[in-house]
Amino acid sequence: MNNFRELVVWQKSVALVTEIYKGTKLFPDNEKFNLVTQMQRAATSIASNIAEGSGRNSSAMFKQFLTISLGSAYELETQIIISNKLFYINDEYCSELIKSVQEIQKMIYGLYNSI
């Protein structure tokens, strides 16, 4: 249906995944199989579901995958807030990440509504 690599929302999602992986390297060891894994998976899921959905042969299927992607974005936003409350990330970095996630959420909504 679409070349997902040309979608700006996918590009921004991949950039967010990279940032999440970098940021979670600083988390304590006891979070490696808890919050770190959840955040990395949620971030990866955003971009992956956009890509997978774009490869489906119907608009309805693409929309379904965008909905999953959006859910992962909200999940990641929550995990970022939790990370900040646990003092794993500072307020400034938390704000930057949330700003990126919310921009992606808006773009997913826009893409969904344009299909």
C-alpha atoms as a PDB file:
ATOM      1  CA  MET A   1       0.000   0.000   0.000  1.00  0.00           C
ATOM      2  CA  ASN A   2       2.666   2.536   1.063  1.00  0.00           C
ATOM      3  CA  ASN A   3       6.415   2.695   1.170  1.00  0.00           C
ATOM      4  CA  PHE A   4       6.675   2.973   4.946  1.00  0.00           C
ATOM      5  CA  ARG A   5      10.197   4.401   4.763  1.00  0.00           C
ATOM      6  CA  GLU A   6       8.775   7.525   3.154  1.00  0.00           C
ATOM      7  CA  LEU A   7       6.325   8.121   6.013  1.00  0.00           C
ATOM      8  CA  VAL A   8       7.628  10.893   8.263  1.00  0.00           C
ATOM      9  CA  VAL A   9       5.818   9.340  11.222  1.00  0.00           C
ATOM     10  CA  TRP A  10       7.732   6.102  10.694  1.00  0.00           C
ATOM     11  CA  GLN A  11      11.034   8.015  10.412  1.00  0.00           C
ATOM     12  CA  LYS A  12      10.337   9.878  13.655  1.00  0.00           C
ATOM     13  CA  SER A  13       9.322   6.634  15.336  1.00  0.00           C
ATOM     14  CA  VAL A  14      12.612   4.988  14.386  1.00  0.00           C
ATOM     15  CA  ALA A  15      14.492   8.010  15.734  1.00  0.00           C
ATOM     16  CA  LEU A  16      12.531   7.654  18.984  1.00  0.00           C
ATOM     17  CA  VAL A  17      13.463   3.967  19.252  1.00  0.00           C
ATOM     18  CA  THR A  18      17.120   4.929  18.970  1.00  0.00           C
ATOM     19  CA  GLU A  19      16.714   7.570  21.664  1.00  0.00           C
ATOM     20  CA  ILE A  20      14.927   5.148  23.996  1.00  0.00           C
ATOM     21  CA  TYR A  21      17.690   2.560  23.586  1.00  0.00           C
ATOM     22  CA  LYS A  22      20.333   5.196  24.356  1.00  0.00           C
ATOM     23  CA  GLY A  23      18.440   6.550  27.352  1.00  0.00           C
ATOM     24  CA  THR A  24      17.662   3.205  28.939  1.00  0.00           C
ATOM     25  CA  LYS A  25      21.355   2.238  28.947  1.00  0.00           C
ATOM     26  CA  LEU A  26      21.661   4.436  32.022  1.00  0.00           C
ATOM     27  CA  PHE A  27      18.937   2.660  34.003  1.00  0.00           C
ATOM     28  CA  PRO A  28      19.936   0.499  36.971  1.00  0.00           C
ATOM     29  CA  ASP A  29      20.730  -3.142  36.330  1.00  0.00           C
ATOM     30  CA  ASN A  30      17.645  -4.326  38.213  1.00  0.00           C
ATOM     31  CA  GLU A  31      15.458  -2.693  35.528  1.00  0.00           C
ATOM     32  CA  LYS A  32      17.067  -4.461  32.545  1.00  0.00           C
ATOM     33  CA  PHE A  33      14.338  -7.085  32.361  1.00  0.00           C
ATOM     34  CA  ASN A  34      11.544  -4.850  33.589  1.00  0.00           C
ATOM     35  CA  LEU A  35      11.091  -1.227  32.621  1.00  0.00           C
ATOM     36  CA  VAL A  36      13.981  -1.152  30.138  1.00  0.00           C
ATOM     37  CA  THR A  37      12.612  -4.079  28.156  1.00  0.00           C
ATOM     38  CA  GLN A  38       9.063  -2.704  28.241  1.00  0.00           C
ATOM     39  CA  MET A  39      10.163   0.711  27.002  1.00  0.00           C
ATOM     40  CA  GLN A  40      12.301  -0.707  24.224  1.00  0.00           C
ATOM     41  CA  ARG A  41       9.530  -3.031  23.073  1.00  0.00           C
ATOM     42  CA  ALA A  42       6.863  -0.317  23.167  1.00  0.00           C
ATOM     43  CA  ALA A  43       9.060   2.083  21.189  1.00  0.00           C
ATOM     44  CA  THR A  44       9.940  -0.594  18.651  1.00  0.00           C
ATOM     45  CA  SER A  45       6.279  -1.547  18.350  1.00  0.00           C
ATOM     46  CA  ILE A  46       5.319   1.966  17.251  1.00  0.00           C
ATOM     47  CA  ALA A  47       7.551   1.936  14.179  1.00  0.00           C
ATOM     48  CA  SER A  48       7.080  -1.764  13.473  1.00  0.00           C
ATOM     49  CA  ASN A  49       3.297  -1.600  13.395  1.00  0.00           C
ATOM     50  CA  ILE A  50       3.345   1.418  11.093  1.00  0.00           C
ATOM     51  CA  ALA A  51       5.586  -0.528   8.722  1.00  0.00           C
ATOM     52  CA  GLU A  52       3.606  -3.749   8.940  1.00  0.00           C
ATOM     53  CA  GLY A  53       0.290  -2.004   8.463  1.00  0.00           C
ATOM     54  CA  SER A  54       1.508  -0.117   5.420  1.00  0.00           C
ATOM     55  CA  GLY A  55       2.310  -3.438   3.796  1.00  0.00           C
ATOM     56  CA  ARG A  56      -1.207  -4.796   4.194  1.00  0.00           C
ATOM     57  CA  ASN A  57      -3.466  -4.810   1.190  1.00  0.00           C
ATOM     58  CA  SER A  58      -6.390  -2.921   2.685  1.00  0.00           C
ATOM     59  CA  SER A  59      -6.982   0.422   4.314  1.00  0.00           C
ATOM     60  CA  ALA A  60      -8.891  -1.233   7.136  1.00  0.00           C
ATOM     61  CA  MET A  61      -5.903  -3.422   7.991  1.00  0.00           C
ATOM     62  CA  PHE A  62      -3.537  -0.452   7.860  1.00  0.00           C
ATOM     63  CA  LYS A  63      -5.826   1.424  10.249  1.00  0.00           C
ATOM     64  CA  GLN A  64      -5.856  -1.547  12.609  1.00  0.00           C
ATOM     65  CA  PHE A  65      -2.056  -1.546  12.773  1.00  0.00           C
ATOM     66  CA  LEU A  66      -2.013   2.229  13.274  1.00  0.00           C
ATOM     67  CA  THR A  67      -4.330   1.725  16.244  1.00  0.00           C
ATOM     68  CA  ILE A  68      -1.890  -0.800  17.714  1.00  0.00           C
ATOM     69  CA  SER A  69       0.965   1.623  17.070  1.00  0.00           C
ATOM     70  CA  LEU A  70      -0.934   4.387  18.842  1.00  0.00           C
ATOM     71  CA  GLY A  71      -1.547   2.140  21.840  1.00  0.00           C
ATOM     72  CA  SER A  72       2.184   1.445  22.036  1.00  0.00           C
ATOM     73  CA  ALA A  73       2.873   5.183  21.920  1.00  0.00           C
ATOM     74  CA  TYR A  74       0.609   5.767  24.915  1.00  0.00           C
ATOM     75  CA  GLU A  75       2.213   2.835  26.696  1.00  0.00           C
ATOM     76  CA  LEU A  76       5.661   4.326  26.087  1.00  0.00           C
ATOM     77  CA  GLU A  77       4.533   7.751  27.285  1.00  0.00           C
ATOM     78  CA  THR A  78       3.401   6.175  30.562  1.00  0.00           C
ATOM     79  CA  GLN A  79       6.688   4.331  30.953  1.00  0.00           C
ATOM     80  CA  ILE A  80       8.632   7.542  30.383  1.00  0.00           C
ATOM     81  CA  ILE A  81       6.628   9.235  33.146  1.00  0.00           C
ATOM     82  CA  ILE A  82       7.260   6.299  35.480  1.00  0.00           C
ATOM     83  CA  SER A  83      10.983   6.448  34.680  1.00  0.00           C
ATOM     84  CA  ASN A  84      11.029  10.100  35.612  1.00  0.00           C
ATOM     85  CA  LYS A  85       9.165   9.500  38.872  1.00  0.00           C
ATOM     86  CA  LEU A  86      11.708   6.807  39.752  1.00  0.00           C
ATOM     87  CA  PHE A  87      14.489   9.345  38.985  1.00  0.00           C
ATOM     88  CA  TYR A  88      15.939   7.213  36.170  1.00  0.00           C
ATOM     89  CA  ILE A  89      15.588  10.172  33.788  1.00  0.00           C
ATOM     90  CA  ASN A  90      15.619  13.856  34.651  1.00  0.00           C
ATOM     91  CA  ASP A  91      12.753  16.287  34.065  1.00  0.00           C
ATOM     92  CA  GLU A  92      14.291  17.852  30.957  1.00  0.00           C
ATOM     93  CA  TYR A  93      14.931  14.533  29.214  1.00  0.00           C
ATOM     94  CA  CYS A  94      11.481  13.329  30.235  1.00  0.00           C
ATOM     95  CA  SER A  95       9.906  16.419  28.637  1.00  0.00           C
ATOM     96  CA  GLU A  96      11.888  15.929  25.433  1.00  0.00           C
ATOM     97  CA  LEU A  97      10.845  12.296  25.140  1.00  0.00           C
ATOM     98  CA  ILE A  98       7.199  13.043  25.891  1.00  0.00           C
ATOM     99  CA  LYS A  99       7.204  15.835  23.317  1.00  0.00           C
ATOM    100  CA  SER A 100       8.514  13.379  20.705  1.00  0.00           C
ATOM    101  CA  VAL A 101       5.978  10.716  21.644  1.00  0.00           C
ATOM    102  CA  GLN A 102       3.070  13.176  21.559  1.00  0.00           C
ATOM    103  CA  GLU A 103       4.158  14.453  18.157  1.00  0.00           C
ATOM    104  CA  ILE A 104       4.160  10.862  16.881  1.00  0.00           C
ATOM    105  CA  GLN A 105       0.743  10.242  18.441  1.00  0.00           C
ATOM    106  CA  LYS A 106      -0.673  13.254  16.587  1.00  0.00           C
ATOM    107  CA  MET A 107       0.918  12.104  13.344  1.00  0.00           C
ATOM    108  CA  ILE A 108      -0.546   8.609  13.735  1.00  0.00           C
ATOM    109  CA  TYR A 109      -3.995  10.146  14.302  1.00  0.00           C
ATOM    110  CA  GLY A 110      -3.515  12.274  11.198  1.00  0.00           C
ATOM    111  CA  LEU A 111      -2.433   9.326   9.084  1.00  0.00           C
ATOM    112  CA  TYR A 112      -5.309   7.226  10.404  1.00  0.00           C
ATOM    113  CA  ASN A 113      -7.830   9.931   9.524  1.00  0.00           C
ATOM    114  CA  SER A 114      -6.344  10.419   6.042  1.00  0.00           C
ATOM    115  CA  ILE A 115      -6.826   6.771   5.090  1.00  0.00           C
END
